[in-house]
């Protein structure tokens, strides 16, 4: 793909590598977790060699995903701090879904929906980590009551996380020009001007009174 030299850099190579590690490990953890959760998903164990290997690998997929996501969170948490403009954006999100984004507040690098998703995923990842440790019987030995409670929490949070990631993927496809940012690290100026006007102005040094 030939890219316009006037495109704006949105993500560095290291940003994209961490993102894809998180994404791939989430898929692997999700498929192996579903296989262990319900017999209807048992055929997924064939992807990992056997049911035994599925049980062995699942927590390691989750651990790699968690550590990678926490590293990513450390790099991006400041850009994802919510402010009044973000809440105003969320209150008007229905208009944007209907195809009218003319009245949407100007956004920085991330809009209110992306920021909210970031914090929900971070909270969910932390819950998955601690509940997963409790039920990781190969290494830890908690009381059976704690294991049962952690199993319920782990399954419920995982279901919510899968739903959130589906929304994330759908939104990336729905907003044309978004996926290329994670493939090549750049976006067109037209895309930035339409979807993240405050960030566009900041990148071009045009002055920006809006929060990042």
N, C-alpha and C. Protein backbone atom coordinates (compact mmCIF):
# COMPACT_ATOMS: atom_id res chain seq x y z
N UNK A 1 0.85 -1.20 0.00
CA UNK A 1 0.00 0.00 0.00
C UNK A 1 0.89 1.26 0.00
N UNK A 2 0.63 2.17 -0.95
CA UNK A 2 1.39 3.41 -1.03
C UNK A 2 0.71 4.44 -0.13
N UNK A 3 1.45 4.95 0.86
CA UNK A 3 0.87 5.89 1.81
C UNK A 3 1.30 7.31 1.49
N UNK A 4 0.38 8.21 1.69
CA UNK A 4 0.62 9.63 1.45
C UNK A 4 1.60 10.15 2.50
N UNK A 5 2.68 10.82 2.08
CA UNK A 5 3.64 11.35 3.06
C UNK A 5 3.04 12.41 3.97
N UNK A 6 1.87 12.91 3.62
CA UNK A 6 1.20 13.90 4.45
C UNK A 6 0.31 13.28 5.52
N UNK A 7 0.22 11.95 5.53
CA UNK A 7 -0.56 11.27 6.56
C UNK A 7 0.01 11.57 7.95
N UNK A 8 -0.83 11.44 8.95
CA UNK A 8 -0.41 11.70 10.33
C UNK A 8 -0.12 10.39 11.05
N UNK A 9 0.98 10.38 11.81
CA UNK A 9 1.31 9.17 12.57
C UNK A 9 0.45 9.12 13.83
N UNK A 10 -0.27 8.03 13.96
CA UNK A 10 -1.15 7.85 15.12
C UNK A 10 -0.56 6.88 16.13
N UNK A 11 0.15 5.85 15.65
CA UNK A 11 0.75 4.86 16.53
C UNK A 11 2.16 4.52 16.06
N UNK A 12 3.04 4.30 17.03
CA UNK A 12 4.40 3.86 16.71
C UNK A 12 4.39 2.36 16.48
N UNK A 13 5.51 1.83 15.98
CA UNK A 13 5.62 0.39 15.74
C UNK A 13 5.44 -0.39 17.05
N UNK A 14 6.03 0.10 18.14
CA UNK A 14 5.91 -0.61 19.41
C UNK A 14 4.47 -0.58 19.92
N UNK A 15 3.76 0.52 19.70
CA UNK A 15 2.35 0.59 20.08
C UNK A 15 1.55 -0.49 19.38
N UNK A 16 1.82 -0.66 18.10
CA UNK A 16 1.07 -1.63 17.31
C UNK A 16 1.43 -3.05 17.68
N UNK A 17 2.68 -3.31 17.98
CA UNK A 17 3.10 -4.66 18.38
C UNK A 17 2.39 -5.07 19.67
N UNK A 18 2.37 -4.19 20.66
CA UNK A 18 1.71 -4.50 21.93
C UNK A 18 0.22 -4.73 21.71
N UNK A 19 -0.38 -3.89 20.89
CA UNK A 19 -1.81 -4.03 20.61
C UNK A 19 -2.13 -5.39 20.01
N UNK A 20 -1.32 -5.83 19.04
CA UNK A 20 -1.59 -7.11 18.39
C UNK A 20 -1.29 -8.29 19.30
N UNK A 21 -0.31 -8.15 20.18
CA UNK A 21 -0.07 -9.22 21.16
C UNK A 21 -1.28 -9.37 22.06
N UNK A 22 -1.81 -8.24 22.54
CA UNK A 22 -3.01 -8.28 23.38
C UNK A 22 -4.17 -8.91 22.62
N UNK A 23 -4.37 -8.46 21.37
CA UNK A 23 -5.49 -8.96 20.59
C UNK A 23 -5.40 -10.45 20.31
N UNK A 24 -4.22 -10.93 19.90
CA UNK A 24 -4.05 -12.36 19.58
C UNK A 24 -4.23 -13.21 20.84
N UNK A 25 -3.64 -12.77 21.94
CA UNK A 25 -3.76 -13.53 23.19
C UNK A 25 -5.19 -13.52 23.70
N UNK A 26 -5.91 -12.42 23.48
CA UNK A 26 -7.31 -12.38 23.89
C UNK A 26 -8.12 -13.42 23.12
N UNK A 27 -7.88 -13.53 21.81
CA UNK A 27 -8.59 -14.51 21.00
C UNK A 27 -8.27 -15.93 21.47
N UNK A 28 -6.98 -16.20 21.70
CA UNK A 28 -6.58 -17.53 22.14
C UNK A 28 -7.14 -17.86 23.53
N UNK A 29 -7.08 -16.89 24.43
CA UNK A 29 -7.63 -17.09 25.77
C UNK A 29 -9.14 -17.27 25.70
N UNK A 30 -9.79 -16.49 24.82
CA UNK A 30 -11.24 -16.58 24.69
C UNK A 30 -11.68 -17.93 24.15
N UNK A 31 -11.03 -18.40 23.10
CA UNK A 31 -11.40 -19.69 22.52
C UNK A 31 -11.14 -20.85 23.49
N UNK A 32 -9.99 -20.82 24.14
CA UNK A 32 -9.68 -21.89 25.09
C UNK A 32 -10.59 -21.79 26.31
N UNK A 33 -10.92 -20.57 26.74
CA UNK A 33 -11.82 -20.40 27.88
C UNK A 33 -13.22 -20.88 27.58
N UNK A 34 -13.72 -20.58 26.38
CA UNK A 34 -15.04 -21.06 25.99
C UNK A 34 -15.08 -22.58 25.95
N UNK A 35 -13.99 -23.20 25.47
CA UNK A 35 -13.92 -24.67 25.42
C UNK A 35 -14.02 -25.28 26.81
N UNK A 36 -13.48 -24.58 27.79
CA UNK A 36 -13.52 -25.09 29.17
C UNK A 36 -14.82 -24.72 29.87
N UNK A 37 -15.53 -23.73 29.32
CA UNK A 37 -16.73 -23.22 29.98
C UNK A 37 -17.96 -24.06 29.72
N UNK A 38 -18.13 -24.54 28.47
CA UNK A 38 -19.36 -25.25 28.12
C UNK A 38 -19.06 -26.31 27.07
N UNK A 39 -19.72 -27.48 27.18
CA UNK A 39 -19.47 -28.57 26.22
C UNK A 39 -19.73 -28.18 24.76
N UNK A 40 -20.62 -27.21 24.54
CA UNK A 40 -20.92 -26.80 23.16
C UNK A 40 -19.69 -26.25 22.46
N UNK A 41 -18.75 -25.73 23.26
CA UNK A 41 -17.53 -25.16 22.68
C UNK A 41 -16.34 -26.11 22.76
N UNK A 42 -16.60 -27.35 23.15
CA UNK A 42 -15.50 -28.30 23.33
C UNK A 42 -14.67 -28.53 22.07
N UNK A 43 -15.26 -28.46 20.86
CA UNK A 43 -14.44 -28.64 19.64
C UNK A 43 -13.29 -27.64 19.53
N UNK A 44 -13.37 -26.51 20.24
CA UNK A 44 -12.27 -25.55 20.21
C UNK A 44 -10.98 -26.14 20.78
N UNK A 45 -11.11 -27.21 21.58
CA UNK A 45 -9.90 -27.82 22.15
C UNK A 45 -9.00 -28.39 21.05
N UNK A 46 -9.59 -28.71 19.90
CA UNK A 46 -8.80 -29.24 18.78
C UNK A 46 -7.79 -28.21 18.28
N UNK A 47 -8.08 -26.94 18.50
CA UNK A 47 -7.15 -25.88 18.07
C UNK A 47 -5.87 -25.89 18.88
N UNK A 48 -5.94 -26.49 20.08
CA UNK A 48 -4.79 -26.47 20.98
C UNK A 48 -4.18 -27.86 21.20
N UNK A 49 -4.63 -28.82 20.43
CA UNK A 49 -4.04 -30.16 20.49
C UNK A 49 -4.88 -31.17 21.24
N UNK A 50 -5.41 -30.77 22.38
CA UNK A 50 -6.23 -31.66 23.19
C UNK A 50 -6.86 -30.86 24.32
N UNK A 51 -7.77 -31.51 25.05
CA UNK A 51 -8.38 -30.84 26.19
C UNK A 51 -7.35 -30.55 27.28
N UNK A 52 -6.39 -31.44 27.42
CA UNK A 52 -5.35 -31.24 28.43
C UNK A 52 -4.51 -30.02 28.12
N UNK A 53 -4.09 -29.90 26.86
CA UNK A 53 -3.29 -28.74 26.48
C UNK A 53 -4.10 -27.45 26.55
N UNK A 54 -5.40 -27.55 26.30
CA UNK A 54 -6.25 -26.37 26.41
C UNK A 54 -6.24 -25.85 27.84
N UNK A 55 -6.37 -26.78 28.81
CA UNK A 55 -6.35 -26.40 30.23
C UNK A 55 -4.98 -25.84 30.64
N UNK A 56 -3.94 -26.39 30.09
CA UNK A 56 -2.60 -25.93 30.44
C UNK A 56 -2.32 -24.54 29.86
N UNK A 57 -2.70 -24.35 28.60
CA UNK A 57 -2.33 -23.12 27.89
C UNK A 57 -3.22 -21.93 28.25
N UNK A 58 -4.48 -22.18 28.56
CA UNK A 58 -5.42 -21.07 28.79
C UNK A 58 -4.91 -20.02 29.78
N UNK A 59 -4.47 -20.40 30.97
CA UNK A 59 -4.01 -19.36 31.91
C UNK A 59 -2.77 -18.62 31.43
N UNK A 60 -1.92 -19.26 30.64
CA UNK A 60 -0.73 -18.57 30.14
C UNK A 60 -1.10 -17.56 29.06
N UNK A 61 -2.08 -17.91 28.21
CA UNK A 61 -2.59 -16.93 27.25
C UNK A 61 -3.12 -15.71 28.01
N UNK A 62 -3.88 -15.98 29.06
CA UNK A 62 -4.45 -14.89 29.84
C UNK A 62 -3.40 -14.05 30.52
N UNK A 63 -2.37 -14.69 31.02
CA UNK A 63 -1.31 -13.96 31.72
C UNK A 63 -0.53 -13.05 30.76
N UNK A 64 -0.20 -13.57 29.58
CA UNK A 64 0.51 -12.76 28.58
C UNK A 64 -0.36 -11.59 28.15
N UNK A 65 -1.66 -11.87 27.93
CA UNK A 65 -2.58 -10.81 27.55
C UNK A 65 -2.65 -9.72 28.62
N UNK A 66 -2.74 -10.14 29.88
CA UNK A 66 -2.86 -9.19 30.98
C UNK A 66 -1.62 -8.32 31.11
N UNK A 67 -0.45 -8.93 31.09
CA UNK A 67 0.78 -8.17 31.23
C UNK A 67 0.97 -7.20 30.06
N UNK A 68 0.62 -7.64 28.85
CA UNK A 68 0.74 -6.78 27.68
C UNK A 68 -0.24 -5.62 27.76
N UNK A 69 -1.47 -5.91 28.19
CA UNK A 69 -2.47 -4.85 28.28
C UNK A 69 -2.10 -3.84 29.36
N UNK A 70 -1.59 -4.32 30.49
CA UNK A 70 -1.18 -3.40 31.55
C UNK A 70 -0.02 -2.51 31.09
N UNK A 71 0.89 -3.08 30.28
CA UNK A 71 1.97 -2.27 29.72
C UNK A 71 1.41 -1.21 28.78
N UNK A 72 0.43 -1.61 27.98
CA UNK A 72 -0.21 -0.66 27.07
C UNK A 72 -0.96 0.42 27.86
N UNK A 73 -1.60 0.00 28.95
CA UNK A 73 -2.35 0.95 29.79
C UNK A 73 -1.42 2.00 30.39
N UNK A 74 -0.23 1.58 30.79
CA UNK A 74 0.74 2.53 31.35
C UNK A 74 1.14 3.59 30.33
N UNK A 75 1.16 3.20 29.07
CA UNK A 75 1.57 4.13 28.01
C UNK A 75 0.44 5.09 27.61
N UNK A 76 -0.80 4.65 27.80
CA UNK A 76 -1.92 5.43 27.26
C UNK A 76 -2.91 5.96 28.29
N UNK A 77 -2.72 5.69 29.58
CA UNK A 77 -3.75 6.06 30.54
C UNK A 77 -3.99 7.57 30.60
N UNK A 78 -2.92 8.35 30.45
CA UNK A 78 -3.11 9.80 30.52
C UNK A 78 -3.96 10.32 29.36
N UNK A 79 -3.79 9.73 28.18
CA UNK A 79 -4.58 10.14 27.04
C UNK A 79 -6.03 9.69 27.16
N UNK A 80 -6.32 8.80 28.10
CA UNK A 80 -7.67 8.26 28.26
C UNK A 80 -8.39 8.79 29.49
N UNK A 81 -7.86 9.84 30.09
CA UNK A 81 -8.56 10.44 31.22
C UNK A 81 -9.84 11.13 30.74
N UNK A 82 -10.94 10.81 31.40
CA UNK A 82 -12.22 11.37 31.00
C UNK A 82 -12.33 12.83 31.42
N UNK A 83 -13.02 13.63 30.61
CA UNK A 83 -13.28 15.01 30.95
C UNK A 83 -14.71 15.36 30.52
N UNK A 84 -15.13 16.59 30.76
CA UNK A 84 -16.51 16.99 30.48
C UNK A 84 -16.85 16.87 29.00
N UNK A 85 -15.88 17.15 28.15
CA UNK A 85 -16.13 17.05 26.71
C UNK A 85 -16.41 15.60 26.32
N UNK A 86 -15.71 14.66 26.96
CA UNK A 86 -15.93 13.24 26.66
C UNK A 86 -17.34 12.82 27.06
N UNK A 87 -17.80 13.26 28.23
CA UNK A 87 -19.16 12.91 28.66
C UNK A 87 -20.19 13.55 27.74
N UNK A 88 -19.91 14.77 27.28
CA UNK A 88 -20.81 15.43 26.32
C UNK A 88 -20.86 14.64 25.02
N UNK A 89 -19.70 14.11 24.60
CA UNK A 89 -19.63 13.28 23.39
C UNK A 89 -20.49 12.03 23.55
N UNK A 90 -20.39 11.40 24.72
CA UNK A 90 -21.16 10.18 24.98
C UNK A 90 -22.66 10.45 24.98
N UNK A 91 -23.05 11.62 25.47
CA UNK A 91 -24.48 11.95 25.49
C UNK A 91 -25.04 12.13 24.08
N UNK A 92 -24.17 12.43 23.12
CA UNK A 92 -24.60 12.64 21.74
C UNK A 92 -24.25 11.47 20.82
N UNK A 93 -23.79 10.37 21.40
CA UNK A 93 -23.31 9.27 20.57
C UNK A 93 -24.42 8.70 19.70
N UNK A 94 -25.67 8.80 20.15
CA UNK A 94 -26.78 8.31 19.34
C UNK A 94 -26.89 9.05 18.01
N UNK A 95 -26.59 10.35 18.03
CA UNK A 95 -26.63 11.13 16.79
C UNK A 95 -25.58 10.63 15.81
N UNK A 96 -24.39 10.32 16.33
CA UNK A 96 -23.32 9.85 15.46
C UNK A 96 -23.67 8.49 14.86
N UNK A 97 -24.27 7.61 15.68
CA UNK A 97 -24.67 6.30 15.19
C UNK A 97 -25.69 6.43 14.07
N UNK A 98 -26.54 7.46 14.16
CA UNK A 98 -27.55 7.71 13.12
C UNK A 98 -26.96 8.38 11.89
N UNK A 99 -25.66 8.67 11.91
CA UNK A 99 -25.00 9.25 10.75
C UNK A 99 -24.82 10.74 10.77
N UNK A 100 -25.21 11.39 11.88
CA UNK A 100 -25.07 12.84 11.99
C UNK A 100 -24.04 13.17 13.06
N UNK A 101 -22.81 13.47 12.63
CA UNK A 101 -21.75 13.77 13.59
C UNK A 101 -21.37 15.26 13.59
N UNK A 102 -22.23 16.10 13.03
CA UNK A 102 -21.91 17.52 12.91
C UNK A 102 -21.90 18.24 14.25
N UNK A 103 -22.70 17.75 15.21
CA UNK A 103 -22.80 18.41 16.50
C UNK A 103 -21.95 17.75 17.58
N UNK A 104 -21.11 16.78 17.17
CA UNK A 104 -20.28 16.09 18.16
C UNK A 104 -19.18 17.03 18.65
N UNK A 105 -18.92 17.05 19.97
CA UNK A 105 -17.83 17.90 20.49
C UNK A 105 -16.49 17.48 19.89
N UNK A 106 -15.60 18.44 19.71
CA UNK A 106 -14.27 18.13 19.18
C UNK A 106 -13.53 17.21 20.14
N UNK A 107 -12.88 16.19 19.57
CA UNK A 107 -12.19 15.21 20.39
C UNK A 107 -10.68 15.24 20.16
N UNK A 108 -9.95 14.85 21.20
CA UNK A 108 -8.51 14.72 21.10
C UNK A 108 -8.14 13.41 20.42
N UNK A 109 -7.05 12.80 20.84
CA UNK A 109 -6.62 11.56 20.19
C UNK A 109 -7.64 10.46 20.33
N UNK A 110 -8.35 10.44 21.47
CA UNK A 110 -9.39 9.43 21.69
C UNK A 110 -10.70 10.12 22.04
N UNK A 111 -11.80 9.57 21.56
CA UNK A 111 -13.10 10.13 21.90
C UNK A 111 -13.63 9.50 23.20
N UNK A 112 -14.78 10.01 23.64
CA UNK A 112 -15.33 9.54 24.91
C UNK A 112 -15.62 8.05 24.92
N UNK A 113 -16.09 7.52 23.80
CA UNK A 113 -16.38 6.08 23.73
C UNK A 113 -15.13 5.25 23.85
N UNK A 114 -14.07 5.66 23.19
CA UNK A 114 -12.80 4.93 23.26
C UNK A 114 -12.22 4.97 24.67
N UNK A 115 -12.35 6.12 25.31
CA UNK A 115 -11.83 6.26 26.68
C UNK A 115 -12.61 5.39 27.65
N UNK A 116 -13.93 5.41 27.53
CA UNK A 116 -14.76 4.59 28.41
C UNK A 116 -14.44 3.11 28.21
N UNK A 117 -14.28 2.71 26.95
CA UNK A 117 -13.93 1.32 26.65
C UNK A 117 -12.59 0.96 27.27
N UNK A 118 -11.62 1.88 27.21
CA UNK A 118 -10.30 1.64 27.79
C UNK A 118 -10.41 1.31 29.28
N UNK A 119 -11.16 2.11 30.03
CA UNK A 119 -11.27 1.90 31.47
C UNK A 119 -12.07 0.65 31.81
N UNK A 120 -13.09 0.35 31.02
CA UNK A 120 -13.85 -0.88 31.25
C UNK A 120 -12.98 -2.11 31.01
N UNK A 121 -12.19 -2.07 29.94
CA UNK A 121 -11.30 -3.19 29.64
C UNK A 121 -10.20 -3.33 30.69
N UNK A 122 -9.69 -2.21 31.17
CA UNK A 122 -8.66 -2.27 32.20
C UNK A 122 -9.21 -2.88 33.48
N UNK A 123 -10.39 -2.42 33.89
CA UNK A 123 -11.03 -2.96 35.10
C UNK A 123 -11.32 -4.45 34.93
N UNK A 124 -11.84 -4.81 33.75
CA UNK A 124 -12.15 -6.22 33.49
C UNK A 124 -10.90 -7.09 33.47
N UNK A 125 -9.82 -6.57 32.90
CA UNK A 125 -8.57 -7.33 32.84
C UNK A 125 -8.03 -7.61 34.23
N UNK A 126 -8.12 -6.62 35.10
CA UNK A 126 -7.65 -6.79 36.48
C UNK A 126 -8.50 -7.84 37.20
N UNK A 127 -9.82 -7.80 36.99
CA UNK A 127 -10.69 -8.81 37.60
C UNK A 127 -10.37 -10.21 37.08
N UNK A 128 -10.12 -10.30 35.77
CA UNK A 128 -9.77 -11.60 35.19
C UNK A 128 -8.46 -12.12 35.78
N UNK A 129 -7.51 -11.22 35.99
CA UNK A 129 -6.21 -11.63 36.54
C UNK A 129 -6.37 -12.22 37.93
N UNK A 130 -7.03 -11.49 38.82
CA UNK A 130 -7.13 -11.96 40.21
C UNK A 130 -8.04 -13.17 40.35
N UNK A 131 -9.16 -13.18 39.62
CA UNK A 131 -10.03 -14.36 39.69
C UNK A 131 -9.35 -15.56 39.05
N UNK A 132 -8.56 -15.31 37.99
CA UNK A 132 -7.84 -16.41 37.34
C UNK A 132 -6.78 -17.02 38.24
N UNK A 133 -6.11 -16.19 39.01
CA UNK A 133 -5.11 -16.70 39.95
C UNK A 133 -5.76 -17.63 40.97
N UNK A 134 -6.94 -17.25 41.45
CA UNK A 134 -7.63 -18.05 42.46
C UNK A 134 -8.00 -19.43 41.92
N UNK A 135 -8.38 -19.50 40.64
CA UNK A 135 -8.82 -20.79 40.09
C UNK A 135 -7.70 -21.54 39.36
N UNK A 136 -6.47 -20.99 39.39
CA UNK A 136 -5.33 -21.66 38.74
C UNK A 136 -4.78 -22.71 39.70
N UNK A 137 -5.39 -23.87 39.70
CA UNK A 137 -5.12 -24.90 40.70
C UNK A 137 -3.73 -25.51 40.57
N UNK A 138 -3.13 -25.38 39.40
CA UNK A 138 -1.80 -25.97 39.22
C UNK A 138 -0.74 -25.25 40.05
N UNK A 139 -0.99 -23.97 40.36
CA UNK A 139 0.01 -23.18 41.08
C UNK A 139 -0.48 -22.65 42.43
N UNK A 140 -1.80 -22.50 42.58
CA UNK A 140 -2.33 -21.89 43.79
C UNK A 140 -3.39 -22.80 44.41
N UNK A 141 -3.55 -22.68 45.72
CA UNK A 141 -4.45 -23.58 46.44
C UNK A 141 -5.32 -22.77 47.41
N UNK A 142 -6.38 -22.21 46.85
CA UNK A 142 -7.33 -21.46 47.66
C UNK A 142 -8.45 -22.39 48.13
N UNK A 143 -9.22 -21.92 49.11
CA UNK A 143 -10.35 -22.70 49.60
C UNK A 143 -11.38 -22.88 48.50
N UNK A 144 -12.10 -24.00 48.56
CA UNK A 144 -13.03 -24.35 47.49
C UNK A 144 -14.10 -23.30 47.30
N UNK A 145 -14.55 -22.69 48.40
CA UNK A 145 -15.56 -21.63 48.29
C UNK A 145 -15.04 -20.44 47.52
N UNK A 146 -13.79 -20.09 47.75
CA UNK A 146 -13.18 -18.97 47.03
C UNK A 146 -13.00 -19.30 45.55
N UNK A 147 -12.66 -20.56 45.29
CA UNK A 147 -12.48 -21.00 43.90
C UNK A 147 -13.81 -20.92 43.15
N UNK A 148 -14.89 -21.34 43.80
CA UNK A 148 -16.20 -21.31 43.14
C UNK A 148 -16.63 -19.88 42.85
N UNK A 149 -16.44 -18.99 43.81
CA UNK A 149 -16.80 -17.60 43.61
C UNK A 149 -15.96 -16.98 42.50
N UNK A 150 -14.66 -17.26 42.53
CA UNK A 150 -13.76 -16.72 41.51
C UNK A 150 -14.12 -17.25 40.12
N UNK A 151 -14.59 -18.50 40.05
CA UNK A 151 -14.97 -19.08 38.76
C UNK A 151 -16.16 -18.35 38.16
N UNK A 152 -17.13 -18.01 39.01
CA UNK A 152 -18.30 -17.27 38.54
C UNK A 152 -17.89 -15.87 38.06
N UNK A 153 -17.06 -15.20 38.87
CA UNK A 153 -16.60 -13.86 38.51
C UNK A 153 -15.80 -13.91 37.20
N UNK A 154 -14.93 -14.90 37.08
CA UNK A 154 -14.07 -15.02 35.89
C UNK A 154 -14.92 -15.21 34.64
N UNK A 155 -15.91 -16.10 34.72
CA UNK A 155 -16.75 -16.38 33.57
C UNK A 155 -17.60 -15.16 33.19
N UNK A 156 -18.17 -14.50 34.20
CA UNK A 156 -19.04 -13.34 33.94
C UNK A 156 -18.24 -12.19 33.32
N UNK A 157 -17.08 -11.90 33.89
CA UNK A 157 -16.25 -10.81 33.37
C UNK A 157 -15.76 -11.13 31.96
N UNK A 158 -15.40 -12.40 31.74
CA UNK A 158 -14.93 -12.80 30.41
C UNK A 158 -16.02 -12.59 29.37
N UNK A 159 -17.28 -12.91 29.72
CA UNK A 159 -18.39 -12.72 28.79
C UNK A 159 -18.56 -11.24 28.45
N UNK A 160 -18.47 -10.39 29.46
CA UNK A 160 -18.58 -8.94 29.23
C UNK A 160 -17.43 -8.45 28.37
N UNK A 161 -16.22 -8.95 28.65
CA UNK A 161 -15.05 -8.53 27.88
C UNK A 161 -15.18 -8.91 26.41
N UNK A 162 -15.69 -10.10 26.15
CA UNK A 162 -15.89 -10.54 24.77
C UNK A 162 -16.85 -9.60 24.06
N UNK A 163 -17.92 -9.21 24.76
CA UNK A 163 -18.86 -8.27 24.19
C UNK A 163 -18.23 -6.92 23.89
N UNK A 164 -17.42 -6.42 24.82
CA UNK A 164 -16.75 -5.14 24.63
C UNK A 164 -15.78 -5.17 23.44
N UNK A 165 -15.05 -6.27 23.32
CA UNK A 165 -14.11 -6.39 22.21
C UNK A 165 -14.84 -6.47 20.88
N UNK A 166 -15.99 -7.12 20.87
CA UNK A 166 -16.80 -7.18 19.65
C UNK A 166 -17.24 -5.78 19.24
N UNK A 167 -17.62 -4.95 20.21
CA UNK A 167 -17.98 -3.57 19.93
C UNK A 167 -16.78 -2.81 19.39
N UNK A 168 -15.61 -3.04 20.00
CA UNK A 168 -14.37 -2.38 19.58
C UNK A 168 -14.03 -2.73 18.13
N UNK A 169 -14.12 -4.01 17.79
CA UNK A 169 -13.80 -4.45 16.44
C UNK A 169 -14.81 -3.89 15.44
N UNK A 170 -16.09 -3.95 15.81
CA UNK A 170 -17.14 -3.44 14.92
C UNK A 170 -16.94 -1.95 14.65
N UNK A 171 -16.66 -1.18 15.70
CA UNK A 171 -16.47 0.26 15.54
C UNK A 171 -15.26 0.55 14.64
N UNK A 172 -14.21 -0.26 14.77
CA UNK A 172 -13.02 -0.07 13.94
C UNK A 172 -13.31 -0.31 12.47
N UNK A 173 -14.20 -1.26 12.20
CA UNK A 173 -14.58 -1.54 10.81
C UNK A 173 -15.57 -0.50 10.30
N UNK A 174 -16.50 -0.10 11.18
CA UNK A 174 -17.56 0.84 10.80
C UNK A 174 -16.99 2.21 10.43
N UNK A 175 -16.00 2.68 11.19
CA UNK A 175 -15.38 3.98 10.90
C UNK A 175 -14.24 3.73 9.91
N UNK A 176 -14.49 3.97 8.66
CA UNK A 176 -13.51 3.68 7.61
C UNK A 176 -12.22 4.47 7.83
N UNK A 177 -11.10 3.77 7.64
CA UNK A 177 -9.80 4.40 7.81
C UNK A 177 -9.19 4.18 9.17
N UNK A 178 -9.96 3.52 10.07
CA UNK A 178 -9.46 3.31 11.43
C UNK A 178 -8.49 2.14 11.51
N UNK A 179 -8.81 1.05 10.84
CA UNK A 179 -8.00 -0.16 10.95
C UNK A 179 -6.58 0.09 10.43
N UNK A 180 -6.42 0.90 9.41
CA UNK A 180 -5.09 1.15 8.85
C UNK A 180 -4.15 1.74 9.90
N UNK A 181 -4.72 2.41 10.91
CA UNK A 181 -3.88 2.99 11.96
C UNK A 181 -3.12 1.91 12.72
N UNK A 182 -3.75 0.75 12.88
CA UNK A 182 -3.09 -0.35 13.58
C UNK A 182 -2.27 -1.24 12.65
N UNK A 183 -2.47 -1.09 11.35
CA UNK A 183 -1.64 -1.83 10.40
C UNK A 183 -0.37 -1.05 10.07
N UNK A 184 -0.56 0.23 9.78
CA UNK A 184 0.56 1.03 9.29
C UNK A 184 0.97 2.15 10.24
N UNK A 185 0.13 2.44 11.22
CA UNK A 185 0.47 3.48 12.20
C UNK A 185 0.07 4.88 11.80
N UNK A 186 -0.53 5.03 10.61
CA UNK A 186 -0.88 6.36 10.13
C UNK A 186 -2.36 6.45 9.77
N UNK A 187 -2.85 7.69 9.73
CA UNK A 187 -4.22 7.97 9.27
C UNK A 187 -4.16 9.16 8.33
N UNK A 188 -5.16 9.29 7.49
CA UNK A 188 -5.20 10.43 6.58
C UNK A 188 -5.58 11.69 7.35
N UNK A 189 -5.22 12.81 6.81
CA UNK A 189 -5.58 14.08 7.45
C UNK A 189 -7.09 14.28 7.44
N UNK A 190 -7.73 13.80 6.38
CA UNK A 190 -9.19 13.93 6.30
C UNK A 190 -9.86 13.13 7.42
N UNK A 191 -9.35 11.92 7.68
CA UNK A 191 -9.89 11.08 8.76
C UNK A 191 -9.70 11.78 10.10
N UNK A 192 -8.51 12.28 10.35
CA UNK A 192 -8.23 12.94 11.63
C UNK A 192 -9.09 14.19 11.80
N UNK A 193 -9.26 14.95 10.74
CA UNK A 193 -10.05 16.18 10.81
C UNK A 193 -11.52 15.88 11.10
N UNK A 194 -12.03 14.79 10.55
CA UNK A 194 -13.43 14.45 10.73
C UNK A 194 -13.72 13.85 12.10
N UNK A 195 -12.83 12.96 12.57
CA UNK A 195 -13.13 12.18 13.78
C UNK A 195 -12.43 12.68 15.04
N UNK A 196 -11.29 13.34 14.90
CA UNK A 196 -10.52 13.79 16.06
C UNK A 196 -9.94 15.18 15.78
N UNK A 197 -10.83 16.15 15.64
CA UNK A 197 -10.43 17.47 15.18
C UNK A 197 -9.42 18.14 16.11
N UNK A 198 -9.60 18.01 17.43
CA UNK A 198 -8.67 18.63 18.37
C UNK A 198 -7.27 18.02 18.22
N UNK A 199 -7.22 16.71 18.04
CA UNK A 199 -5.93 16.03 17.85
C UNK A 199 -5.32 16.45 16.51
N UNK A 200 -6.13 16.58 15.49
CA UNK A 200 -5.67 17.03 14.18
C UNK A 200 -5.01 18.40 14.27
N UNK A 201 -5.65 19.31 14.98
CA UNK A 201 -5.09 20.64 15.14
C UNK A 201 -3.78 20.60 15.92
N UNK A 202 -3.75 19.75 16.94
CA UNK A 202 -2.54 19.63 17.75
C UNK A 202 -1.38 19.09 16.91
N UNK A 203 -1.65 18.08 16.09
CA UNK A 203 -0.61 17.47 15.28
C UNK A 203 -0.05 18.45 14.26
N UNK A 204 -0.89 19.35 13.77
CA UNK A 204 -0.44 20.31 12.77
C UNK A 204 0.03 21.62 13.40
N UNK A 205 -0.01 21.68 14.73
CA UNK A 205 0.44 22.88 15.42
C UNK A 205 -0.43 24.08 15.15
N UNK A 206 -1.74 23.83 14.98
CA UNK A 206 -2.67 24.92 14.67
C UNK A 206 -3.26 25.56 15.91
N UNK A 207 -2.88 25.05 17.08
CA UNK A 207 -3.45 25.58 18.32
C UNK A 207 -4.67 24.78 18.67
N UNK A 208 -4.80 24.44 19.96
CA UNK A 208 -5.91 23.59 20.38
C UNK A 208 -6.20 23.86 21.84
N UNK A 209 -7.37 24.37 22.11
CA UNK A 209 -7.78 24.63 23.49
C UNK A 209 -8.49 23.46 24.11
N UNK A 210 -8.73 22.42 23.29
CA UNK A 210 -9.46 21.27 23.79
C UNK A 210 -8.50 20.31 24.52
N UNK A 211 -9.00 19.58 25.55
CA UNK A 211 -8.17 18.60 26.22
C UNK A 211 -7.77 17.48 25.27
N UNK A 212 -6.63 16.89 25.50
CA UNK A 212 -6.16 15.78 24.67
C UNK A 212 -6.99 14.54 24.92
